[in-house]
């Protein structure tokens, strides 16, 4: 396994609507997806396309959302995680575990509809890291 393409940067926000306005009106983003709920992960998400990656806007969905803790420490929101692509989620999981990295839960289906897992920030230089399986052709 080698480091794959940066798929997206996750940005926690107390309001997807306000963040969409920022990306559209200040940064000039034109390719903004429709927000959708991911109840299994306790979040609402919206993807903003950029020329070389995506920004995943993440808003808490309900009181049990894992994003609440992040927003308690960062009320205005901010960078939450980086997501890298891999061709095989199980191979990646085995490699991270063999290197002693702590995974945050088992692989599950992420916002793109593909398998993902997260690696603890303490094992990734302070950065919460998402690993996402992508089709073998990378798209």
C-alpha atoms as a PDB file:
ATOM      1  CA  UNK A   1       0.000   0.000   0.000  1.00  0.00           C
ATOM      2  CA  UNK A   2       1.232   3.484  -0.809  1.00  0.00           C
ATOM      3  CA  UNK A   3      -0.206   6.908  -0.098  1.00  0.00           C
ATOM      4  CA  UNK A   4      -3.103   7.531  -2.455  1.00  0.00           C
ATOM      5  CA  UNK A   5      -4.656  10.683  -3.853  1.00  0.00           C
ATOM      6  CA  UNK A   6      -6.084  13.244  -1.444  1.00  0.00           C
ATOM      7  CA  UNK A   7      -9.811  12.711  -1.934  1.00  0.00           C
ATOM      8  CA  UNK A   8     -11.147  15.454   0.302  1.00  0.00           C
ATOM      9  CA  UNK A   9     -10.603  17.737   3.265  1.00  0.00           C
ATOM     10  CA  UNK A  10     -13.312  17.437   5.893  1.00  0.00           C
ATOM     11  CA  UNK A  11     -14.432  20.749   7.386  1.00  0.00           C
ATOM     12  CA  UNK A  12     -16.722  20.738  10.409  1.00  0.00           C
ATOM     13  CA  UNK A  13     -19.273  23.526  10.490  1.00  0.00           C
ATOM     14  CA  UNK A  14     -22.148  24.564  12.723  1.00  0.00           C
ATOM     15  CA  UNK A  15     -24.093  25.466   9.528  1.00  0.00           C
ATOM     16  CA  UNK A  16     -23.695  23.911   6.107  1.00  0.00           C
ATOM     17  CA  UNK A  17     -25.845  26.692   4.652  1.00  0.00           C
ATOM     18  CA  UNK A  18     -23.481  29.390   5.958  1.00  0.00           C
ATOM     19  CA  UNK A  19     -20.436  27.420   4.782  1.00  0.00           C
ATOM     20  CA  UNK A  20     -21.911  26.900   1.311  1.00  0.00           C
ATOM     21  CA  UNK A  21     -22.454  30.671   1.079  1.00  0.00           C
ATOM     22  CA  UNK A  22     -18.802  31.233   2.044  1.00  0.00           C
ATOM     23  CA  UNK A  23     -17.451  28.799  -0.553  1.00  0.00           C
ATOM     24  CA  UNK A  24     -19.833  30.141  -3.241  1.00  0.00           C
ATOM     25  CA  UNK A  25     -19.747  33.894  -2.552  1.00  0.00           C
ATOM     26  CA  UNK A  26     -16.222  34.423  -1.213  1.00  0.00           C
ATOM     27  CA  UNK A  27     -14.208  31.624  -2.812  1.00  0.00           C
ATOM     28  CA  UNK A  28     -16.188  31.428  -6.057  1.00  0.00           C
ATOM     29  CA  UNK A  29     -17.073  27.726  -5.918  1.00  0.00           C
ATOM     30  CA  UNK A  30     -19.584  26.751  -8.582  1.00  0.00           C
ATOM     31  CA  UNK A  31     -19.769  22.961  -8.192  1.00  0.00           C
ATOM     32  CA  UNK A  32     -21.552  22.481  -4.885  1.00  0.00           C
ATOM     33  CA  UNK A  33     -23.540  19.326  -4.214  1.00  0.00           C
ATOM     34  CA  UNK A  34     -26.816  19.066  -2.359  1.00  0.00           C
ATOM     35  CA  UNK A  35     -26.471  18.492   1.387  1.00  0.00           C
ATOM     36  CA  UNK A  36     -27.565  15.054   2.562  1.00  0.00           C
ATOM     37  CA  UNK A  37     -27.929  13.247   5.879  1.00  0.00           C
ATOM     38  CA  UNK A  38     -25.734  10.334   6.957  1.00  0.00           C
ATOM     39  CA  UNK A  39     -27.656   9.152  10.037  1.00  0.00           C
ATOM     40  CA  UNK A  40     -25.329   6.173  10.607  1.00  0.00           C
ATOM     41  CA  UNK A  41     -22.461   8.627  11.172  1.00  0.00           C
ATOM     42  CA  UNK A  42     -24.514  11.329  12.883  1.00  0.00           C
ATOM     43  CA  UNK A  43     -23.723  13.997  10.298  1.00  0.00           C
ATOM     44  CA  UNK A  44     -25.111  15.999   7.407  1.00  0.00           C
ATOM     45  CA  UNK A  45     -22.605  16.482   4.580  1.00  0.00           C
ATOM     46  CA  UNK A  46     -22.190  18.551   1.447  1.00  0.00           C
ATOM     47  CA  UNK A  47     -19.353  18.293  -1.070  1.00  0.00           C
ATOM     48  CA  UNK A  48     -17.759  21.295  -2.743  1.00  0.00           C
ATOM     49  CA  UNK A  49     -15.723  20.408  -5.827  1.00  0.00           C
ATOM     50  CA  UNK A  50     -12.389  22.111  -6.461  1.00  0.00           C
ATOM     51  CA  UNK A  51     -10.132  21.515  -9.471  1.00  0.00           C
ATOM     52  CA  UNK A  52      -8.019  18.893  -7.672  1.00  0.00           C
ATOM     53  CA  UNK A  53     -10.051  17.605  -4.691  1.00  0.00           C
ATOM     54  CA  UNK A  54     -13.242  18.138  -2.705  1.00  0.00           C
ATOM     55  CA  UNK A  55     -14.163  19.913   0.502  1.00  0.00           C
ATOM     56  CA  UNK A  56     -16.568  17.885   2.640  1.00  0.00           C
ATOM     57  CA  UNK A  57     -18.662  20.198   4.790  1.00  0.00           C
ATOM     58  CA  UNK A  58     -19.829  18.329   7.897  1.00  0.00           C
ATOM     59  CA  UNK A  59     -22.617  19.499  10.210  1.00  0.00           C
ATOM     60  CA  UNK A  60     -23.856  17.620  13.286  1.00  0.00           C
ATOM     61  CA  UNK A  61     -27.034  15.615  12.772  1.00  0.00           C
ATOM     62  CA  UNK A  62     -28.713  15.257  16.132  1.00  0.00           C
ATOM     63  CA  UNK A  63     -27.379  15.449  19.651  1.00  0.00           C
ATOM     64  CA  UNK A  64     -25.317  12.244  19.427  1.00  0.00           C
ATOM     65  CA  UNK A  65     -23.172  13.469  16.538  1.00  0.00           C
ATOM     66  CA  UNK A  66     -19.414  12.974  16.944  1.00  0.00           C
ATOM     67  CA  UNK A  67     -18.968  16.465  15.426  1.00  0.00           C
ATOM     68  CA  UNK A  68     -20.442  18.094  18.561  1.00  0.00           C
ATOM     69  CA  UNK A  69     -17.196  17.581  20.491  1.00  0.00           C
ATOM     70  CA  UNK A  70     -15.134  19.150  17.730  1.00  0.00           C
ATOM     71  CA  UNK A  71     -17.459  22.156  17.490  1.00  0.00           C
ATOM     72  CA  UNK A  72     -17.434  22.557  21.287  1.00  0.00           C
ATOM     73  CA  UNK A  73     -13.675  23.144  21.026  1.00  0.00           C
ATOM     74  CA  UNK A  74     -13.940  25.049  17.721  1.00  0.00           C
ATOM     75  CA  UNK A  75     -17.314  26.861  17.722  1.00  0.00           C
ATOM     76  CA  UNK A  76     -16.797  28.440  14.290  1.00  0.00           C
ATOM     77  CA  UNK A  77     -15.818  25.060  12.811  1.00  0.00           C
ATOM     78  CA  UNK A  78     -12.611  24.214  10.997  1.00  0.00           C
ATOM     79  CA  UNK A  79     -10.532  21.496   9.391  1.00  0.00           C
ATOM     80  CA  UNK A  80     -11.680  18.173  10.795  1.00  0.00           C
ATOM     81  CA  UNK A  81      -9.849  15.509   8.757  1.00  0.00           C
ATOM     82  CA  UNK A  82      -7.964  14.596   5.592  1.00  0.00           C
ATOM     83  CA  UNK A  83      -9.124  11.695   3.425  1.00  0.00           C
ATOM     84  CA  UNK A  84      -6.790   9.599   1.269  1.00  0.00           C
ATOM     85  CA  UNK A  85      -7.747   7.008  -1.327  1.00  0.00           C
ATOM     86  CA  UNK A  86      -6.647   3.370  -1.319  1.00  0.00           C
ATOM     87  CA  UNK A  87      -7.554   0.583  -3.757  1.00  0.00           C
ATOM     88  CA  UNK A  88      -8.249  -2.018  -1.029  1.00  0.00           C
ATOM     89  CA  UNK A  89      -9.660  -1.022   2.362  1.00  0.00           C
ATOM     90  CA  UNK A  90      -8.843  -4.377   3.999  1.00  0.00           C
ATOM     91  CA  UNK A  91      -5.205  -4.274   2.872  1.00  0.00           C
ATOM     92  CA  UNK A  92      -4.948  -0.703   4.156  1.00  0.00           C
ATOM     93  CA  UNK A  93      -6.547  -1.642   7.485  1.00  0.00           C
ATOM     94  CA  UNK A  94      -4.084  -4.528   7.956  1.00  0.00           C
ATOM     95  CA  UNK A  95      -1.129  -2.277   7.116  1.00  0.00           C
ATOM     96  CA  UNK A  96      -2.146   0.469   9.557  1.00  0.00           C
ATOM     97  CA  UNK A  97      -2.763  -2.078  12.313  1.00  0.00           C
ATOM     98  CA  UNK A  98       0.597  -3.771  11.616  1.00  0.00           C
ATOM     99  CA  UNK A  99       2.271  -0.377  12.043  1.00  0.00           C
ATOM    100  CA  UNK A 100       0.538   0.078  15.418  1.00  0.00           C
ATOM    101  CA  UNK A 101      -1.925   2.755  14.313  1.00  0.00           C
ATOM    102  CA  UNK A 102      -5.217   2.837  16.177  1.00  0.00           C
ATOM    103  CA  UNK A 103      -8.325   2.685  14.022  1.00  0.00           C
ATOM    104  CA  UNK A 104     -11.469   4.461  15.144  1.00  0.00           C
ATOM    105  CA  UNK A 105     -14.055   1.775  14.523  1.00  0.00           C
ATOM    106  CA  UNK A 106     -14.380  -0.874  11.862  1.00  0.00           C
ATOM    107  CA  UNK A 107     -14.553  -0.118   8.151  1.00  0.00           C
ATOM    108  CA  UNK A 108     -17.974   1.231   7.225  1.00  0.00           C
ATOM    109  CA  UNK A 109     -19.693   2.952   4.326  1.00  0.00           C
ATOM    110  CA  UNK A 110     -18.763   6.627   4.003  1.00  0.00           C
ATOM    111  CA  UNK A 111     -20.383   9.638   2.353  1.00  0.00           C
ATOM    112  CA  UNK A 112     -19.184   8.595  -1.127  1.00  0.00           C
ATOM    113  CA  UNK A 113     -20.846   5.196  -0.699  1.00  0.00           C
ATOM    114  CA  UNK A 114     -17.505   3.378  -0.461  1.00  0.00           C
ATOM    115  CA  UNK A 115     -15.758   1.697   2.489  1.00  0.00           C
ATOM    116  CA  UNK A 116     -13.855   3.981   4.882  1.00  0.00           C
ATOM    117  CA  UNK A 117     -12.150   3.961   8.263  1.00  0.00           C
ATOM    118  CA  UNK A 118     -10.504   6.619  10.397  1.00  0.00           C
ATOM    119  CA  UNK A 119      -7.041   6.532  11.970  1.00  0.00           C
ATOM    120  CA  UNK A 120      -6.535   8.168  15.377  1.00  0.00           C
ATOM    121  CA  UNK A 121      -4.903  11.600  15.100  1.00  0.00           C
ATOM    122  CA  UNK A 122      -2.346  10.713  17.792  1.00  0.00           C
ATOM    123  CA  UNK A 123      -0.955   8.102  15.393  1.00  0.00           C
ATOM    124  CA  UNK A 124      -1.034  10.434  12.371  1.00  0.00           C
ATOM    125  CA  UNK A 125       0.940  13.485  13.468  1.00  0.00           C
ATOM    126  CA  UNK A 126      -2.093  15.130  15.068  1.00  0.00           C
ATOM    127  CA  UNK A 127      -4.340  14.834  11.983  1.00  0.00           C
ATOM    128  CA  UNK A 128      -7.531  12.779  11.999  1.00  0.00           C
ATOM    129  CA  UNK A 129      -7.121  10.713   8.832  1.00  0.00           C
ATOM    130  CA  UNK A 130      -9.816   9.006   6.811  1.00  0.00           C
ATOM    131  CA  UNK A 131      -8.881   6.150   4.498  1.00  0.00           C
ATOM    132  CA  UNK A 132     -11.341   5.553   1.660  1.00  0.00           C
ATOM    133  CA  UNK A 133     -11.511   2.697  -0.815  1.00  0.00           C
ATOM    134  CA  UNK A 134     -11.903   3.838  -4.398  1.00  0.00           C
ATOM    135  CA  UNK A 135     -12.457   1.814  -7.529  1.00  0.00           C
ATOM    136  CA  UNK A 136      -9.252   0.440  -9.041  1.00  0.00           C
ATOM    137  CA  UNK A 137      -9.266   3.086 -11.783  1.00  0.00           C
ATOM    138  CA  UNK A 138      -9.298   5.815  -9.111  1.00  0.00           C
ATOM    139  CA  UNK A 139     -12.699   7.270 -10.074  1.00  0.00           C
END
